[in-house]
Protein backbone atom coordinates (compact mmCIF):
# COMPACT_ATOMS: atom_id res chain seq x y z
CA MET A 1 0.00 0.00 0.00
CA LYS A 2 1.66 3.22 -1.19
CA VAL A 3 0.82 6.89 -0.98
CA GLU A 4 -0.53 8.33 -4.24
CA ARG A 5 2.18 10.77 -5.26
CA GLN A 6 0.37 12.07 -8.33
CA GLN A 7 -1.83 14.22 -6.14
CA ASN A 8 0.05 14.60 -2.88
CA GLU A 9 3.80 14.37 -3.13
CA GLY A 10 4.67 17.24 -5.39
CA PRO A 11 5.80 17.61 -9.00
CA LYS A 12 7.15 14.84 -11.14
CA TYR A 13 10.47 14.73 -12.97
CA GLU A 14 9.19 16.76 -15.93
CA GLU A 15 8.53 19.74 -13.68
CA HIS A 16 11.84 19.64 -11.83
CA PRO A 17 13.85 22.86 -12.33
CA PHE A 18 17.20 21.06 -12.71
CA GLN A 19 15.91 18.83 -15.50
CA SER A 20 16.42 21.22 -18.42
CA ASP A 21 18.94 23.60 -16.86
CA PRO A 22 22.64 22.64 -17.26
CA GLY A 23 23.60 25.23 -14.66
CA GLY A 24 21.09 23.74 -12.28
CA ARG A 25 22.51 20.27 -12.85
CA ALA A 26 25.99 21.61 -12.08
CA ALA A 27 24.64 23.20 -8.92
CA GLY A 28 23.10 19.91 -7.95
CA THR A 29 26.44 18.15 -8.43
CA GLU A 30 28.20 20.82 -6.40
CA MET A 31 25.65 20.46 -3.63
CA SER A 32 26.12 16.72 -3.55
CA GLN A 33 29.87 17.10 -3.12
CA SER A 34 29.82 19.82 -0.48
CA ALA A 35 26.91 18.27 1.39
CA SER A 36 28.59 14.96 2.11
CA VAL A 37 29.65 14.24 5.65
CA ALA A 38 33.11 13.36 4.38
CA SER A 39 33.47 16.82 2.85
CA ALA A 40 32.44 18.44 6.10
CA ALA A 41 35.04 16.54 8.09
CA ALA A 42 37.76 17.47 5.61
CA GLU A 43 36.97 21.17 5.41
CA PHE A 44 36.45 21.57 9.15
CA LEU A 45 40.06 20.72 9.99
CA ALA A 46 41.70 22.07 6.83
CA GLU A 47 40.18 25.54 7.03
CA GLY A 48 38.60 25.76 10.48
CA ASP A 49 35.54 27.83 9.65
CA ARG A 50 32.06 27.60 8.26
CA ARG A 51 31.70 26.22 4.74
CA LYS A 52 29.96 28.11 1.99
CA SER A 53 28.12 26.75 -1.00
CA ASN A 54 30.85 27.30 -3.62
CA VAL A 55 33.05 24.33 -2.69
CA SER A 56 34.86 22.99 -5.75
CA THR A 57 33.20 19.92 -7.24
CA SER A 58 36.57 18.57 -8.41
CA ARG A 59 38.01 18.41 -4.93
CA THR A 60 38.76 14.96 -3.55
CA TYR A 61 39.45 14.08 0.04
CA ILE A 62 42.28 11.70 0.80
CA ARG A 63 43.98 11.18 4.13
CA ARG A 64 47.74 11.51 3.95
CA PRO A 65 49.69 8.74 5.71
CA GLY A 66 50.21 9.48 9.39
CA GLU A 67 47.53 12.18 9.55
CA ARG A 68 44.19 11.97 11.27
CA GLN A 69 41.00 13.44 9.97
CA ALA A 70 38.84 15.99 11.74
CA PHE A 71 36.70 14.95 14.69
CA LEU A 72 33.26 16.52 14.62
CA VAL A 73 30.85 16.93 17.52
CA LEU A 74 27.46 17.30 15.85
CA ARG A 75 23.95 17.79 17.13
CA GLU A 76 21.35 15.06 17.44
CA GLY A 77 17.65 15.82 17.77
CA ARG A 78 15.61 18.96 17.44
CA GLY A 79 14.52 21.64 19.85
CA ASP A 80 17.79 23.39 20.72
CA GLY A 81 16.54 26.93 21.13
CA ALA A 82 20.09 28.31 21.29
CA VAL A 83 20.83 27.30 17.71
CA ARG A 84 20.31 30.00 15.11
CA ARG A 85 19.70 29.49 11.42
CA GLU A 86 22.79 30.27 9.34
CA PRO A 87 22.71 33.14 6.83
CA PRO A 88 21.99 32.07 3.23
CA GLY A 89 24.94 30.28 1.64
CA VAL A 90 26.62 29.40 4.94
CA TYR A 91 26.52 25.85 6.24
CA PRO A 92 27.47 24.13 9.49
CA ALA A 93 30.52 21.89 9.74
CA GLY A 94 28.21 18.89 9.55
CA PRO A 95 24.57 17.85 9.68
CA CYS A 96 22.18 17.54 12.58
CA LEU A 97 20.91 13.98 13.06
CA ILE A 98 17.11 13.73 12.95
CA ARG A 99 15.54 10.35 13.68
CA GLY A 100 12.47 9.75 11.53
CA GLU A 101 10.58 7.83 14.20
CA GLU A 102 10.70 10.88 16.49
CA TRP A 103 8.10 12.54 14.27
CA LEU A 104 5.70 9.73 15.15
CA HIS A 105 5.78 10.86 18.78
CA GLU A 106 4.36 14.29 18.02
CA PRO A 107 0.80 14.57 19.40
CA GLU A 108 -0.99 15.04 16.08
CA LEU A 109 0.89 12.18 14.45
CA SER A 110 0.96 9.77 17.38
CA ALA A 111 -2.80 9.25 17.43
CA LEU A 112 -2.99 8.80 13.65
CA TYR A 113 -0.09 6.37 13.70
CA SER A 114 -1.71 4.25 16.43
CA ARG A 115 -4.99 4.11 14.50
CA TRP A 116 -3.20 3.19 11.28
CA MET A 117 -1.23 0.39 12.92
CA SER A 118 -4.42 -1.00 14.47
CA CYS A 119 -6.17 -1.26 11.10
CA GLY A 120 -6.42 -4.87 9.97
CA ASP A 121 -5.90 -6.23 6.49
CA GLU A 122 -9.67 -6.29 6.05
CA GLU A 123 -9.80 -2.48 6.36
CA PRO A 124 -7.72 -1.27 3.40
CA VAL A 125 -9.84 1.81 2.67
CA GLN A 126 -9.71 3.02 6.27
CA ALA A 127 -5.96 2.39 6.46
CA GLU A 128 -5.40 4.30 3.22
CA ARG A 129 -7.36 7.31 4.43
CA ILE A 130 -5.40 7.43 7.67
CA LEU A 131 -2.15 7.05 5.75
CA GLN A 132 -3.01 10.06 3.62
CA ARG A 133 -3.50 12.11 6.78
CA ILE A 134 -0.20 10.82 8.15
CA TYR A 135 1.49 11.87 4.92
CA HIS A 136 0.20 15.43 5.21
CA ARG A 137 1.32 15.63 8.85
CA LEU A 138 4.75 14.31 7.86
CA ARG A 139 5.01 16.90 5.11
CA ALA A 140 4.17 19.65 7.59
CA ALA A 141 6.82 18.28 9.97
CA ALA A 142 9.35 18.20 7.12
CA ALA A 143 8.53 21.79 6.19
CA ASP A 144 9.01 22.87 9.82
CA LEU A 145 12.38 21.12 9.84
CA LEU A 146 13.56 22.86 6.68
CA GLU A 147 12.54 26.25 8.06
CA SER A 148 14.40 25.69 11.32
CA ALA A 149 18.10 26.01 12.14
CA ASP A 150 18.32 22.22 12.11
CA GLY A 151 17.15 22.22 8.50
CA VAL A 152 20.19 24.06 7.17
CA TRP A 153 21.81 20.63 6.98
CA ALA A 154 20.14 17.52 8.36
CA ALA A 155 20.83 13.79 8.21
CA VAL A 156 17.38 12.18 8.48
CA THR A 157 16.90 8.50 9.28
CA LEU A 158 14.03 6.53 7.83
CA PRO A 159 11.51 5.67 10.59
CA TYR A 160 12.23 2.34 12.25
CA THR A 161 10.76 0.79 15.39
CA ALA A 162 10.46 -2.76 16.72
CA GLU A 163 6.70 -2.57 16.12
CA LEU A 164 7.23 -1.61 12.47
CA ALA A 165 10.00 -4.16 11.99
CA ALA A 166 7.52 -6.89 12.94
CA ARG A 167 5.28 -5.74 10.08
CA PRO A 168 7.52 -5.22 7.02
CA ASP A 169 4.65 -4.09 4.79
CA ARG A 170 3.73 -1.28 7.18
CA LEU A 171 7.40 -0.38 7.63
CA ALA A 172 7.92 0.04 3.88
CA THR A 173 4.69 1.98 3.48
CA LEU A 174 5.48 4.44 6.26
CA GLN A 175 9.05 4.93 5.04
CA ASP A 176 7.65 5.60 1.56
CA ALA A 177 5.28 8.21 2.97
CA GLN A 178 8.02 9.92 4.99
CA LEU A 179 10.42 10.06 2.07
CA GLY A 180 7.75 11.44 -0.26
CA ALA A 181 6.81 14.10 2.29
CA LEU A 182 10.43 15.07 2.93
CA PHE A 183 11.36 15.31 -0.75
CA ALA A 184 8.22 17.27 -1.62
CA ALA A 185 8.92 19.73 1.19
CA ALA A 186 12.55 20.05 0.10
CA LEU A 187 11.58 20.80 -3.49
CA HIS A 188 9.01 23.37 -2.39
CA SER A 189 11.64 25.02 -0.17
CA GLN A 190 14.11 25.18 -3.06
CA ARG A 191 11.56 26.80 -5.32
CA LEU A 192 11.06 29.49 -2.69
CA GLY A 193 14.80 30.13 -2.59
CA GLY A 194 15.73 27.86 0.29
CA ASP A 195 19.07 26.06 0.30
CA SER A 196 18.62 23.36 2.93
CA ARG A 197 20.59 20.14 2.56
CA ILE A 198 19.22 16.74 3.43
CA ASP A 199 21.22 13.53 3.80
CA LEU A 200 19.40 10.25 4.38
CA LEU A 201 20.19 7.21 6.51
CA ALA A 202 18.92 3.70 5.82
CA PRO A 203 18.28 2.05 9.21
CA TYR A 204 20.18 -1.00 10.40
CA PRO A 205 21.13 -2.97 7.29
CA ALA A 206 22.89 -6.21 8.22
CA SER A 207 24.46 -6.89 4.83
CA LEU A 208 25.45 -5.25 1.57
CA GLU A 209 22.35 -6.70 -0.08
CA GLU A 210 20.04 -5.17 2.52
CA PHE A 211 21.63 -1.75 2.22
CA ALA A 212 21.61 -1.89 -1.59
CA ALA A 213 17.87 -2.64 -1.50
CA GLN A 214 17.25 0.23 0.94
CA ARG A 215 19.32 2.62 -1.15
CA GLU A 216 17.46 1.64 -4.32
CA PHE A 217 14.17 2.22 -2.49
CA ILE A 218 15.23 5.72 -1.37
CA GLU A 219 16.49 6.63 -4.83
CA GLY A 220 13.28 5.36 -6.42
CA VAL A 221 11.09 7.54 -4.20
CA ALA A 222 13.39 10.53 -4.82
CA GLU A 223 13.22 10.18 -8.59
CA GLN A 224 9.44 9.83 -8.57
CA THR A 225 9.00 12.83 -6.30
CA ILE A 226 11.65 15.36 -7.27
CA GLY A 227 13.36 14.03 -10.39
CA HIS A 228 16.61 12.34 -11.22
CA ALA A 229 18.91 15.36 -11.17
CA TYR A 230 17.99 16.45 -7.66
CA ALA A 231 17.83 12.87 -6.44
CA ALA A 232 21.43 12.37 -7.60
CA ALA A 233 22.48 15.12 -5.19
CA CYS A 234 21.12 13.27 -2.14
CA ARG A 235 23.71 11.52 -0.01
CA ILE A 236 22.57 8.18 1.38
CA GLY A 237 24.29 6.64 4.36
CA ALA A 238 23.79 3.60 6.56
CA LEU A 239 22.77 3.68 10.21
CA LEU A 240 24.46 0.59 11.66
CA ALA A 241 23.66 -1.31 14.84
CA PRO A 242 26.71 -1.94 17.09
CA ASP A 243 26.39 -5.68 16.59
CA VAL A 244 26.68 -5.46 12.81
CA GLY A 245 29.37 -7.81 11.54
CA PRO A 246 32.61 -5.94 10.74
CA ALA A 247 32.84 -7.72 7.38
CA ALA A 248 29.29 -6.66 6.54
CA ALA A 249 30.06 -3.07 7.57
CA GLY A 250 33.06 -3.06 5.26
CA GLU A 251 30.94 -4.25 2.36
CA ILE A 252 28.23 -1.69 3.08
CA ALA A 253 30.88 1.03 3.11
CA ARG A 254 31.61 0.29 -0.55
CA ILE A 255 28.36 1.91 -1.66
CA ALA A 256 27.32 4.05 1.33
CA ASP A 257 28.12 7.76 1.23
CA PHE A 258 28.74 7.74 4.98
CA LEU A 259 28.20 5.50 8.01
CA VAL A 260 26.76 6.14 11.47
CA LEU A 261 27.24 3.53 14.19
CA ASP A 262 24.20 3.90 16.42
CA GLY A 263 24.71 3.31 20.13
CA ALA A 264 21.00 3.94 20.72
CA ALA A 265 20.15 0.73 18.85
CA GLU A 266 21.07 -1.31 21.94
CA GLU A 267 21.03 1.40 24.55
CA ALA A 268 19.70 0.31 27.93
CA ALA A 269 21.47 2.14 30.75
CA PRO A 270 24.13 4.41 29.22
CA GLY A 271 27.31 4.60 31.22
CA GLU A 272 30.91 3.50 31.34
CA ASN A 273 30.14 -0.19 30.75
CA ALA A 274 27.97 0.56 27.74
CA ALA A 275 30.57 3.01 26.45
CA GLU A 276 33.38 0.46 26.72
CA GLY A 277 31.45 -2.16 24.78
CA PHE A 278 30.40 0.39 22.19
CA ALA A 279 33.98 1.58 21.69
CA GLN A 280 35.15 -2.00 21.15
CA ALA A 281 32.42 -2.61 18.58
CA ALA A 282 33.25 0.68 16.85
CA ALA A 283 36.94 -0.25 16.63
CA GLY A 284 36.10 -3.51 14.86
CA VAL A 285 33.70 -1.83 12.44
CA LEU A 286 36.09 1.03 11.70
CA ALA A 287 39.03 -1.28 11.00
CA ALA A 288 36.93 -3.26 8.51
CA VAL A 289 35.67 -0.10 6.81
CA ARG A 290 39.14 1.46 6.54
CA ARG A 291 40.43 -1.63 4.75
CA VAL A 292 37.83 -1.05 2.07
CA ARG A 293 37.61 2.77 2.02
CA PRO A 294 40.42 4.46 3.98
CA ALA A 295 38.83 7.91 3.73
CA ALA A 296 35.24 6.89 4.53
CA ALA A 297 33.30 9.12 6.92
CA VAL A 298 32.29 7.01 9.94
CA LEU A 299 30.46 8.68 12.81
CA ALA A 300 28.69 7.47 15.95
CA ALA A 301 25.42 8.42 17.63
CA GLY A 302 23.54 7.76 20.85
CA ALA A 303 24.47 8.31 24.49
CA PRO A 304 27.11 5.51 24.56
CA ALA A 305 28.97 7.36 21.79
CA ALA A 306 29.13 10.52 23.88
CA TYR A 307 30.42 8.57 26.90
CA ALA A 308 33.02 6.81 24.74
CA LEU A 309 34.16 9.98 22.94
CA ALA A 310 37.83 9.74 23.99
CA ASP A 311 38.12 6.15 22.76
CA LEU A 312 36.31 6.96 19.51
CA TYR A 313 38.67 9.88 18.94
CA GLU A 314 41.71 7.70 19.50
CA ILE A 315 40.63 5.00 17.04
CA GLY A 316 40.07 7.63 14.34
CA LEU A 317 36.30 7.94 14.06
CA SER A 318 35.06 10.97 12.09
CA GLY A 319 32.90 12.30 14.93
CA VAL A 320 29.83 11.84 17.11
CA PHE A 321 26.25 13.04 17.14
CA CYS A 322 25.24 14.18 20.63
CA GLY A 323 21.94 15.12 22.21
CA ALA A 324 21.62 18.40 24.09
CA ALA A 325 22.38 16.73 27.43
CA GLN A 326 25.80 15.48 26.31
CA ARG A 327 26.88 18.00 23.68
CA THR A 328 28.57 20.66 25.83
CA ASP A 329 30.71 18.11 27.64
CA ALA A 330 31.51 16.38 24.37
CA LEU A 331 32.61 19.65 22.75
CA LEU A 332 34.96 20.40 25.64
CA ARG A 333 36.48 16.92 25.64
CA ALA A 334 36.91 16.93 21.86
CA ALA A 335 38.59 20.34 22.00
CA CYS A 336 41.01 19.11 24.67
CA LEU A 337 41.84 15.94 22.74
CA THR A 338 42.43 17.92 19.53
CA TRP A 339 44.67 20.43 21.33
CA ILE A 340 46.72 17.65 22.95
CA ALA A 341 47.11 15.88 19.60
CA ARG A 342 48.32 19.07 17.95
CA GLN A 343 50.87 19.69 20.71
CA GLU A 344 52.21 16.14 20.50
CA HIS A 345 52.12 15.83 16.71
CA PRO A 346 52.04 19.36 15.23
CA ASP A 347 52.95 18.31 11.69
CA ALA A 348 50.43 15.48 11.45
CA ALA A 349 47.63 17.39 13.19
CA ALA A 350 48.10 20.50 11.07
CA GLY A 351 48.13 18.70 7.76
CA GLY A 352 44.58 17.49 7.85
CA TRP A 353 43.07 16.43 4.56
CA GLN A 354 43.76 17.41 1.00
């Protein structure tokens, strides 16, 4: 059961502004390069300031031997009133992580979602009507995101819960609705002069085949909703559970634009014990990924990642996403670790990326 895009999810490919505009296609390519998490990590250490939208599309990012990449402390979740929206053309050092399932907890959506999940297979018409209402609420939530400071650059995960995982048909349908709503809102924002950047994360693939299928699904919805040219500018990463096999993570890294190891996937009581286990899992995953793609951007999220920040920094992770409760402490610890590294290895620390 899918949402009818012809009426609800915005213009088709033929109406997309990049489709017949070579300059627009070039802009889309430029956006795709500068919007990647890997680009953000590179530019943050190499230049040390905010990135603007005219980053060269021909630039490649390769770690020199003996040098470490930047370590980013990025925001996770919405609602940080202290964050201001950047002026047009200025972007943060990296995206804010937005979990798709969090939208389902909003009051107006929560009731609709519960009703939709309770609909049986014998009630297809009722389920479809509720799904249409969910879609419109999701589109409103996506529009609010793009208008907020978090929407300047966001990495949005597809919704995923244990309840949805037990019903794969409902999971796919809801993810389809969220993607359609997000892409339609993004295209509308662009037409009004907005310049928000959206990366996407496929949740918890356990193998290359699973991630390839999820990526194809995301790209298919993007092309149907906003057209091929804009869809090609979207960066699609993988949100990995800590217990993912290192070999599988390495294979996924071959076709993922970036990786996020999610401590929240198995989070029970965050603390030193959880952090130690998470750091060990991250080390195994990172080693496997680096053998395949030495310059891959690999970040971590969830409270265990914040607790394990020092260990994650030492093993060479690209950075962490932190909620408001952990972010200030994480920023201070990351700054101290970076300063110590530069004092001990000034040549290697200063070189950064090229």
